[in-house]
Amino acid sequence: MSTRIYVGNLPYSTTEGELRELFENHGSVVEVKLINDRETGRPRGFGFVEMESGADEAIQATDGKDFQGRTLKVNEARPRQDRGPRRW
């Protein structure tokens, strides 16, 4: 079973490849997804890494670590909550 990890406070210039490389040092990465703003398409500064193995080690090793000049916030992702319809 894989573990989904939240990675926050990322530099906006970070690529999925760079994030994958950081986490592959600790285990098997299944998927990396950086989140972009729906309206502008710009990066939002966070993403998710899904790992098949080594997730706990990766969280311990990367939380609070300096990455491209920013201090990462890393923890196990919580299940997404339904936010209902968007209000304008």
PDB file of N, CA and C in Angstrom:
ATOM      1  N   MET A   1       0.839  -1.185   0.000  1.00  0.00           N
ATOM      2  CA  MET A   1       0.000   0.000   0.000  1.00  0.00           C
ATOM      3  C   MET A   1       0.882   1.246   0.000  1.00  0.00           C
ATOM      4  N   SER A   2       0.515   2.218  -0.802  1.00  0.00           N
ATOM      5  CA  SER A   2       1.323   3.429  -0.900  1.00  0.00           C
ATOM      6  C   SER A   2       0.842   4.488   0.089  1.00  0.00           C
ATOM      7  N   THR A   3       1.720   5.446   0.359  1.00  0.00           N
ATOM      8  CA  THR A   3       1.440   6.548   1.278  1.00  0.00           C
ATOM      9  C   THR A   3       1.539   7.853   0.516  1.00  0.00           C
ATOM     10  N   ARG A   4       0.553   8.717   0.711  1.00  0.00           N
ATOM     11  CA  ARG A   4       0.525  10.031   0.063  1.00  0.00           C
ATOM     12  C   ARG A   4       1.076  11.058   1.043  1.00  0.00           C
ATOM     13  N   ILE A   5       2.036  11.858   0.583  1.00  0.00           N
ATOM     14  CA  ILE A   5       2.733  12.828   1.424  1.00  0.00           C
ATOM     15  C   ILE A   5       2.463  14.237   0.912  1.00  0.00           C
ATOM     16  N   TYR A   6       2.123  15.153   1.834  1.00  0.00           N
ATOM     17  CA  TYR A   6       1.958  16.574   1.516  1.00  0.00           C
ATOM     18  C   TYR A   6       3.317  17.248   1.648  1.00  0.00           C
ATOM     19  N   VAL A   7       3.677  18.071   0.666  1.00  0.00           N
ATOM     20  CA  VAL A   7       4.925  18.825   0.708  1.00  0.00           C
ATOM     21  C   VAL A   7       4.581  20.294   0.475  1.00  0.00           C
ATOM     22  N   GLY A   8       4.779  21.115   1.507  1.00  0.00           N
ATOM     23  CA  GLY A   8       4.427  22.528   1.416  1.00  0.00           C
ATOM     24  C   GLY A   8       5.626  23.444   1.504  1.00  0.00           C
ATOM     25  N   ASN A   9       5.381  24.717   1.214  1.00  0.00           N
ATOM     26  CA  ASN A   9       6.377  25.790   1.214  1.00  0.00           C
ATOM     27  C   ASN A   9       7.438  25.569   0.135  1.00  0.00           C
ATOM     28  N   LEU A  10       6.997  25.028  -0.994  1.00  0.00           N
ATOM     29  CA  LEU A  10       7.905  24.809  -2.120  1.00  0.00           C
ATOM     30  C   LEU A  10       8.135  26.116  -2.872  1.00  0.00           C
ATOM     31  N   PRO A  11       9.337  26.313  -3.402  1.00  0.00           N
ATOM     32  CA  PRO A  11       9.557  27.449  -4.299  1.00  0.00           C
ATOM     33  C   PRO A  11       8.669  27.275  -5.535  1.00  0.00           C
ATOM     34  N   TYR A  12       8.160  28.364  -6.065  1.00  0.00           N
ATOM     35  CA  TYR A  12       7.276  28.280  -7.229  1.00  0.00           C
ATOM     36  C   TYR A  12       7.987  27.720  -8.455  1.00  0.00           C
ATOM     37  N   SER A  13       9.311  27.776  -8.469  1.00  0.00           N
ATOM     38  CA  SER A  13      10.082  27.291  -9.616  1.00  0.00           C
ATOM     39  C   SER A  13      10.367  25.791  -9.566  1.00  0.00           C
ATOM     40  N   THR A  14       9.978  25.112  -8.497  1.00  0.00           N
ATOM     41  CA  THR A  14      10.244  23.679  -8.347  1.00  0.00           C
ATOM     42  C   THR A  14       9.525  22.873  -9.424  1.00  0.00           C
ATOM     43  N   THR A  15      10.225  21.876  -9.965  1.00  0.00           N
ATOM     44  CA  THR A  15       9.615  20.984 -10.956  1.00  0.00           C
ATOM     45  C   THR A  15       9.272  19.647 -10.293  1.00  0.00           C
ATOM     46  N   GLU A  16       8.393  18.895 -10.945  1.00  0.00           N
ATOM     47  CA  GLU A  16       8.044  17.572 -10.430  1.00  0.00           C
ATOM     48  C   GLU A  16       9.267  16.666 -10.414  1.00  0.00           C
ATOM     49  N   GLY A  17      10.148  16.808 -11.380  1.00  0.00           N
ATOM     50  CA  GLY A  17      11.364  16.009 -11.438  1.00  0.00           C
ATOM     51  C   GLY A  17      12.287  16.271 -10.252  1.00  0.00           C
ATOM     52  N   GLU A  18      12.424  17.531  -9.868  1.00  0.00           N
ATOM     53  CA  GLU A  18      13.273  17.881  -8.729  1.00  0.00           C
ATOM     54  C   GLU A  18      12.703  17.318  -7.433  1.00  0.00           C
ATOM     55  N   LEU A  19      11.381  17.394  -7.295  1.00  0.00           N
ATOM     56  CA  LEU A  19      10.734  16.873  -6.096  1.00  0.00           C
ATOM     57  C   LEU A  19      10.842  15.347  -6.048  1.00  0.00           C
ATOM     58  N   ARG A  20      10.671  14.703  -7.190  1.00  0.00           N
ATOM     59  CA  ARG A  20      10.819  13.238  -7.278  1.00  0.00           C
ATOM     60  C   ARG A  20      12.228  12.831  -6.857  1.00  0.00           C
ATOM     61  N   GLU A  21      13.224  13.543  -7.346  1.00  0.00           N
ATOM     62  CA  GLU A  21      14.614  13.235  -7.026  1.00  0.00           C
ATOM     63  C   GLU A  21      14.876  13.346  -5.522  1.00  0.00           C
ATOM     64  N   LEU A  22      14.312  14.358  -4.893  1.00  0.00           N
ATOM     65  CA  LEU A  22      14.488  14.543  -3.450  1.00  0.00           C
ATOM     66  C   LEU A  22      13.933  13.351  -2.671  1.00  0.00           C
ATOM     67  N   PHE A  23      12.762  12.863  -3.062  1.00  0.00           N
ATOM     68  CA  PHE A  23      12.120  11.778  -2.328  1.00  0.00           C
ATOM     69  C   PHE A  23      12.620  10.394  -2.723  1.00  0.00           C
ATOM     70  N   GLU A  24      13.138  10.238  -3.932  1.00  0.00           N
ATOM     71  CA  GLU A  24      13.662   8.935  -4.348  1.00  0.00           C
ATOM     72  C   GLU A  24      14.876   8.513  -3.536  1.00  0.00           C
ATOM     73  N   ASN A  25      15.518   9.449  -2.852  1.00  0.00           N
ATOM     74  CA  ASN A  25      16.643   9.115  -1.979  1.00  0.00           C
ATOM     75  C   ASN A  25      16.193   8.279  -0.777  1.00  0.00           C
ATOM     76  N   HIS A  26      14.884   8.228  -0.519  1.00  0.00           N
ATOM     77  CA  HIS A  26      14.366   7.577   0.684  1.00  0.00           C
ATOM     78  C   HIS A  26      13.468   6.381   0.407  1.00  0.00           C
ATOM     79  N   GLY A  27      13.125   6.138  -0.855  1.00  0.00           N
ATOM     80  CA  GLY A  27      12.263   5.004  -1.159  1.00  0.00           C
ATOM     81  C   GLY A  27      11.727   5.073  -2.576  1.00  0.00           C
ATOM     82  N   SER A  28      10.725   4.251  -2.829  1.00  0.00           N
ATOM     83  CA  SER A  28      10.139   4.123  -4.165  1.00  0.00           C
ATOM     84  C   SER A  28       9.004   5.130  -4.363  1.00  0.00           C
ATOM     85  N   VAL A  29       9.191   6.064  -5.304  1.00  0.00           N
ATOM     86  CA  VAL A  29       8.186   7.090  -5.592  1.00  0.00           C
ATOM     87  C   VAL A  29       7.272   6.596  -6.710  1.00  0.00           C
ATOM     88  N   VAL A  30       5.960   6.647  -6.469  1.00  0.00           N
ATOM     89  CA  VAL A  30       4.972   6.224  -7.456  1.00  0.00           C
ATOM     90  C   VAL A  30       4.553   7.407  -8.320  1.00  0.00           C
ATOM     91  N   GLU A  31       4.268   8.557  -7.677  1.00  0.00           N
ATOM     92  CA  GLU A  31       3.753   9.721  -8.405  1.00  0.00           C
ATOM     93  C   GLU A  31       4.120  11.000  -7.669  1.00  0.00           C
ATOM     94  N   VAL A  32       4.345  12.063  -8.444  1.00  0.00           N
ATOM     95  CA  VAL A  32       4.588  13.402  -7.900  1.00  0.00           C
ATOM     96  C   VAL A  32       3.612  14.342  -8.583  1.00  0.00           C
ATOM     97  N   LYS A  33       2.925  15.183  -7.811  1.00  0.00           N
ATOM     98  CA  LYS A  33       1.946  16.105  -8.379  1.00  0.00           C
ATOM     99  C   LYS A  33       2.096  17.472  -7.720  1.00  0.00           C
ATOM    100  N   LEU A  34       2.485  18.484  -8.495  1.00  0.00           N
ATOM    101  CA  LEU A  34       2.519  19.859  -8.004  1.00  0.00           C
ATOM    102  C   LEU A  34       1.178  20.504  -8.322  1.00  0.00           C
ATOM    103  N   ILE A  35       0.695  21.320  -7.405  1.00  0.00           N
ATOM    104  CA  ILE A  35      -0.629  21.921  -7.541  1.00  0.00           C
ATOM    105  C   ILE A  35      -0.516  23.333  -8.105  1.00  0.00           C
ATOM    106  N   ASN A  36      -1.335  23.612  -9.129  1.00  0.00           N
ATOM    107  CA  ASN A  36      -1.394  24.937  -9.745  1.00  0.00           C
ATOM    108  C   ASN A  36      -2.737  25.584  -9.460  1.00  0.00           C
ATOM    109  N   ASP A  37      -2.757  26.904  -9.450  1.00  0.00           N
ATOM    110  CA  ASP A  37      -3.992  27.669  -9.266  1.00  0.00           C
ATOM    111  C   ASP A  37      -4.910  27.407 -10.462  1.00  0.00           C
ATOM    112  N   ARG A  38      -6.173  27.178 -10.210  1.00  0.00           N
ATOM    113  CA  ARG A  38      -7.130  26.869 -11.283  1.00  0.00           C
ATOM    114  C   ARG A  38      -7.301  28.024 -12.260  1.00  0.00           C
ATOM    115  N   GLU A  39      -7.324  29.234 -11.741  1.00  0.00           N
ATOM    116  CA  GLU A  39      -7.629  30.385 -12.583  1.00  0.00           C
ATOM    117  C   GLU A  39      -6.420  30.952 -13.302  1.00  0.00           C
ATOM    118  N   THR A  40      -5.265  30.997 -12.621  1.00  0.00           N
ATOM    119  CA  THR A  40      -4.080  31.613 -13.225  1.00  0.00           C
ATOM    120  C   THR A  40      -3.117  30.600 -13.819  1.00  0.00           C
ATOM    121  N   GLY A  41      -3.194  29.342 -13.371  1.00  0.00           N
ATOM    122  CA  GLY A  41      -2.272  28.315 -13.832  1.00  0.00           C
ATOM    123  C   GLY A  41      -0.901  28.390 -13.179  1.00  0.00           C
ATOM    124  N   ARG A  42      -0.717  29.328 -12.263  1.00  0.00           N
ATOM    125  CA  ARG A  42       0.565  29.480 -11.571  1.00  0.00           C
ATOM    126  C   ARG A  42       0.689  28.464 -10.441  1.00  0.00           C
ATOM    127  N   PRO A  43       1.928  28.073 -10.131  1.00  0.00           N
ATOM    128  CA  PRO A  43       2.136  27.138  -9.018  1.00  0.00           C
ATOM    129  C   PRO A  43       1.649  27.726  -7.695  1.00  0.00           C
ATOM    130  N   ARG A  44       1.138  26.862  -6.818  1.00  0.00           N
ATOM    131  CA  ARG A  44       0.623  27.311  -5.528  1.00  0.00           C
ATOM    132  C   ARG A  44       1.608  27.074  -4.397  1.00  0.00           C
ATOM    133  N   GLY A  45       2.755  26.447  -4.677  1.00  0.00           N
ATOM    134  CA  GLY A  45       3.788  26.271  -3.660  1.00  0.00           C
ATOM    135  C   GLY A  45       3.634  25.022  -2.806  1.00  0.00           C
ATOM    136  N   PHE A  46       2.817  24.074  -3.278  1.00  0.00           N
ATOM    137  CA  PHE A  46       2.720  22.801  -2.567  1.00  0.00           C
ATOM    138  C   PHE A  46       2.400  21.689  -3.555  1.00  0.00           C
ATOM    139  N   GLY A  47       2.585  20.468  -3.072  1.00  0.00           N
ATOM    140  CA  GLY A  47       2.308  19.328  -3.919  1.00  0.00           C
ATOM    141  C   GLY A  47       2.211  18.055  -3.104  1.00  0.00           C
ATOM    142  N   PHE A  48       2.093  16.947  -3.798  1.00  0.00           N
ATOM    143  CA  PHE A  48       1.946  15.649  -3.161  1.00  0.00           C
ATOM    144  C   PHE A  48       2.894  14.647  -3.794  1.00  0.00           C
ATOM    145  N   VAL A  49       3.440  13.773  -2.958  1.00  0.00           N
ATOM    146  CA  VAL A  49       4.306  12.696  -3.417  1.00  0.00           C
ATOM    147  C   VAL A  49       3.692  11.403  -2.902  1.00  0.00           C
ATOM    148  N   GLU A  50       3.476  10.457  -3.799  1.00  0.00           N
ATOM    149  CA  GLU A  50       2.969   9.146  -3.398  1.00  0.00           C
ATOM    150  C   GLU A  50       4.136   8.170  -3.430  1.00  0.00           C
ATOM    151  N   MET A  51       4.348   7.496  -2.292  1.00  0.00           N
ATOM    152  CA  MET A  51       5.482   6.579  -2.171  1.00  0.00           C
ATOM    153  C   MET A  51       5.016   5.168  -1.861  1.00  0.00           C
ATOM    154  N   GLU A  52       5.630   4.200  -2.533  1.00  0.00           N
ATOM    155  CA  GLU A  52       5.339   2.788  -2.295  1.00  0.00           C
ATOM    156  C   GLU A  52       6.054   2.301  -1.044  1.00  0.00           C
ATOM    157  N   SER A  53       7.263   2.820  -0.811  1.00  0.00           N
ATOM    158  CA  SER A  53       8.037   2.437   0.369  1.00  0.00           C
ATOM    159  C   SER A  53       8.885   3.628   0.815  1.00  0.00           C
ATOM    160  N   GLY A  54       9.256   3.642   2.089  1.00  0.00           N
ATOM    161  CA  GLY A  54      10.150   4.671   2.608  1.00  0.00           C
ATOM    162  C   GLY A  54       9.485   5.980   2.967  1.00  0.00           C
ATOM    163  N   ALA A  55       8.155   6.019   3.028  1.00  0.00           N
ATOM    164  CA  ALA A  55       7.447   7.277   3.277  1.00  0.00           C
ATOM    165  C   ALA A  55       7.775   7.862   4.644  1.00  0.00           C
ATOM    166  N   ASP A  56       7.763   7.040   5.686  1.00  0.00           N
ATOM    167  CA  ASP A  56       8.059   7.550   7.026  1.00  0.00           C
ATOM    168  C   ASP A  56       9.464   8.131   7.098  1.00  0.00           C
ATOM    169  N   GLU A  57      10.408   7.426   6.512  1.00  0.00           N
ATOM    170  CA  GLU A  57      11.794   7.904   6.484  1.00  0.00           C
ATOM    171  C   GLU A  57      11.888   9.226   5.712  1.00  0.00           C
ATOM    172  N   ALA A  58      11.191   9.303   4.584  1.00  0.00           N
ATOM    173  CA  ALA A  58      11.221  10.512   3.757  1.00  0.00           C
ATOM    174  C   ALA A  58      10.639  11.708   4.501  1.00  0.00           C
ATOM    175  N   ILE A  59       9.537  11.492   5.225  1.00  0.00           N
ATOM    176  CA  ILE A  59       8.919  12.578   5.993  1.00  0.00           C
ATOM    177  C   ILE A  59       9.888  13.076   7.057  1.00  0.00           C
ATOM    178  N   GLN A  60      10.481  12.141   7.797  1.00  0.00           N
ATOM    179  CA  GLN A  60      11.447  12.505   8.852  1.00  0.00           C
ATOM    180  C   GLN A  60      12.629  13.287   8.277  1.00  0.00           C
ATOM    181  N   ALA A  61      13.136  12.835   7.130  1.00  0.00           N
ATOM    182  CA  ALA A  61      14.343  13.423   6.551  1.00  0.00           C
ATOM    183  C   ALA A  61      14.101  14.772   5.885  1.00  0.00           C
ATOM    184  N   THR A  62      12.894  15.027   5.380  1.00  0.00           N
ATOM    185  CA  THR A  62      12.672  16.242   4.597  1.00  0.00           C
ATOM    186  C   THR A  62      11.899  17.333   5.327  1.00  0.00           C
ATOM    187  N   ASP A  63      11.129  17.003   6.355  1.00  0.00           N
ATOM    188  CA  ASP A  63      10.373  18.027   7.082  1.00  0.00           C
ATOM    189  C   ASP A  63      11.345  18.988   7.765  1.00  0.00           C
ATOM    190  N   GLY A  64      11.213  20.267   7.460  1.00  0.00           N
ATOM    191  CA  GLY A  64      12.084  21.281   8.038  1.00  0.00           C
ATOM    192  C   GLY A  64      13.392  21.469   7.293  1.00  0.00           C
ATOM    193  N   LYS A  65      13.603  20.681   6.243  1.00  0.00           N
ATOM    194  CA  LYS A  65      14.841  20.758   5.466  1.00  0.00           C
ATOM    195  C   LYS A  65      14.793  21.955   4.513  1.00  0.00           C
ATOM    196  N   ASP A  66      15.951  22.581   4.298  1.00  0.00           N
ATOM    197  CA  ASP A  66      16.058  23.654   3.320  1.00  0.00           C
ATOM    198  C   ASP A  66      16.085  23.033   1.921  1.00  0.00           C
ATOM    199  N   PHE A  67      15.201  23.510   1.052  1.00  0.00           N
ATOM    200  CA  PHE A  67      15.132  23.032  -0.320  1.00  0.00           C
ATOM    201  C   PHE A  67      15.001  24.245  -1.229  1.00  0.00           C
ATOM    202  N   GLN A  68      16.031  24.521  -2.002  1.00  0.00           N
ATOM    203  CA  GLN A  68      16.055  25.660  -2.920  1.00  0.00           C
ATOM    204  C   GLN A  68      15.735  26.979  -2.205  1.00  0.00           C
ATOM    205  N   GLY A  69      16.259  27.123  -0.985  1.00  0.00           N
ATOM    206  CA  GLY A  69      16.092  28.362  -0.238  1.00  0.00           C
ATOM    207  C   GLY A  69      14.824  28.468   0.582  1.00  0.00           C
ATOM    208  N   ARG A  70      14.009  27.432   0.626  1.00  0.00           N
ATOM    209  CA  ARG A  70      12.770  27.432   1.414  1.00  0.00           C
ATOM    210  C   ARG A  70      12.797  26.268   2.397  1.00  0.00           C
ATOM    211  N   THR A  71      12.177  26.447   3.566  1.00  0.00           N
ATOM    212  CA  THR A  71      12.084  25.391   4.563  1.00  0.00           C
ATOM    213  C   THR A  71      10.813  24.580   4.308  1.00  0.00           C
ATOM    214  N   LEU A  72      10.988  23.306   3.975  1.00  0.00           N
ATOM    215  CA  LEU A  72       9.847  22.456   3.625  1.00  0.00           C
ATOM    216  C   LEU A  72       8.985  22.112   4.828  1.00  0.00           C
ATOM    217  N   LYS A  73       7.693  21.981   4.581  1.00  0.00           N
ATOM    218  CA  LYS A  73       6.723  21.465   5.545  1.00  0.00           C
ATOM    219  C   LYS A  73       6.216  20.159   4.945  1.00  0.00           C
ATOM    220  N   VAL A  74       6.544  19.040   5.591  1.00  0.00           N
ATOM    221  CA  VAL A  74       6.236  17.720   5.027  1.00  0.00           C
ATOM    222  C   VAL A  74       5.522  16.871   6.068  1.00  0.00           C
ATOM    223  N   ASN A  75       4.392  16.274   5.679  1.00  0.00           N
ATOM    224  CA  ASN A  75       3.684  15.337   6.549  1.00  0.00           C
ATOM    225  C   ASN A  75       2.798  14.425   5.714  1.00  0.00           C
ATOM    226  N   GLU A  76       2.257  13.406   6.366  1.00  0.00           N
ATOM    227  CA  GLU A  76       1.346  12.514   5.648  1.00  0.00           C
ATOM    228  C   GLU A  76       0.093  13.289   5.282  1.00  0.00           C
ATOM    229  N   ALA A  77      -0.327  13.153   4.041  1.00  0.00           N
ATOM    230  CA  ALA A  77      -1.490  13.897   3.550  1.00  0.00           C
ATOM    231  C   ALA A  77      -2.766  13.389   4.201  1.00  0.00           C
ATOM    232  N   ARG A  78      -3.645  14.318   4.528  1.00  0.00           N
ATOM    233  CA  ARG A  78      -4.964  13.956   5.054  1.00  0.00           C
ATOM    234  C   ARG A  78      -5.902  13.714   3.881  1.00  0.00           C
ATOM    235  N   PRO A  79      -6.940  12.905   4.077  1.00  0.00           N
ATOM    236  CA  PRO A  79      -7.907  12.694   2.994  1.00  0.00           C
ATOM    237  C   PRO A  79      -8.569  14.016   2.604  1.00  0.00           C
ATOM    238  N   ARG A  80      -8.825  14.176   1.326  1.00  0.00           N
ATOM    239  CA  ARG A  80      -9.443  15.405   0.827  1.00  0.00           C
ATOM    240  C   ARG A  80     -10.895  15.475   1.270  1.00  0.00           C
ATOM    241  N   GLN A  81     -11.280  16.645   1.758  1.00  0.00           N
ATOM    242  CA  GLN A  81     -12.660  16.844   2.189  1.00  0.00           C
ATOM    243  C   GLN A  81     -13.454  17.490   1.055  1.00  0.00           C
ATOM    244  N   ASP A  82     -14.715  17.090   0.931  1.00  0.00           N
ATOM    245  CA  ASP A  82     -15.578  17.698  -0.062  1.00  0.00           C
ATOM    246  C   ASP A  82     -15.922  19.105   0.403  1.00  0.00           C
ATOM    247  N   ARG A  83     -15.565  20.080  -0.408  1.00  0.00           N
ATOM    248  CA  ARG A  83     -15.806  21.473  -0.029  1.00  0.00           C
ATOM    249  C   ARG A  83     -17.123  22.002  -0.574  1.00  0.00           C
ATOM    250  N   GLY A  84     -17.853  21.177  -1.284  1.00  0.00           N
ATOM    251  CA  GLY A  84     -19.126  21.615  -1.840  1.00  0.00           C
ATOM    252  C   GLY A  84     -18.936  22.476  -3.077  1.00  0.00           C
ATOM    253  N   PRO A  85     -20.033  23.050  -3.581  1.00  0.00           N
ATOM    254  CA  PRO A  85     -19.944  23.864  -4.796  1.00  0.00           C
ATOM    255  C   PRO A  85     -19.190  25.188  -4.523  1.00  0.00           C
ATOM    256  N   ARG A  86     -18.529  25.679  -5.563  1.00  0.00           N
ATOM    257  CA  ARG A  86     -17.804  26.941  -5.434  1.00  0.00           C
ATOM    258  C   ARG A  86     -18.788  28.103  -5.434  1.00  0.00           C
ATOM    259  N   ARG A  87     -18.526  29.069  -4.581  1.00  0.00           N
ATOM    260  CA  ARG A  87     -19.358  30.276  -4.531  1.00  0.00           C
ATOM    261  C   ARG A  87     -18.616  31.424  -5.190  1.00  0.00           C
ATOM    262  N   TRP A  88     -19.336  32.196  -5.939  1.00  0.00           N
ATOM    263  CA  TRP A  88     -18.731  33.356  -6.593  1.00  0.00           C
ATOM    264  C   TRP A  88     -19.233  34.548  -5.948  1.00  0.00           C
TER     265      TRP A  88
END
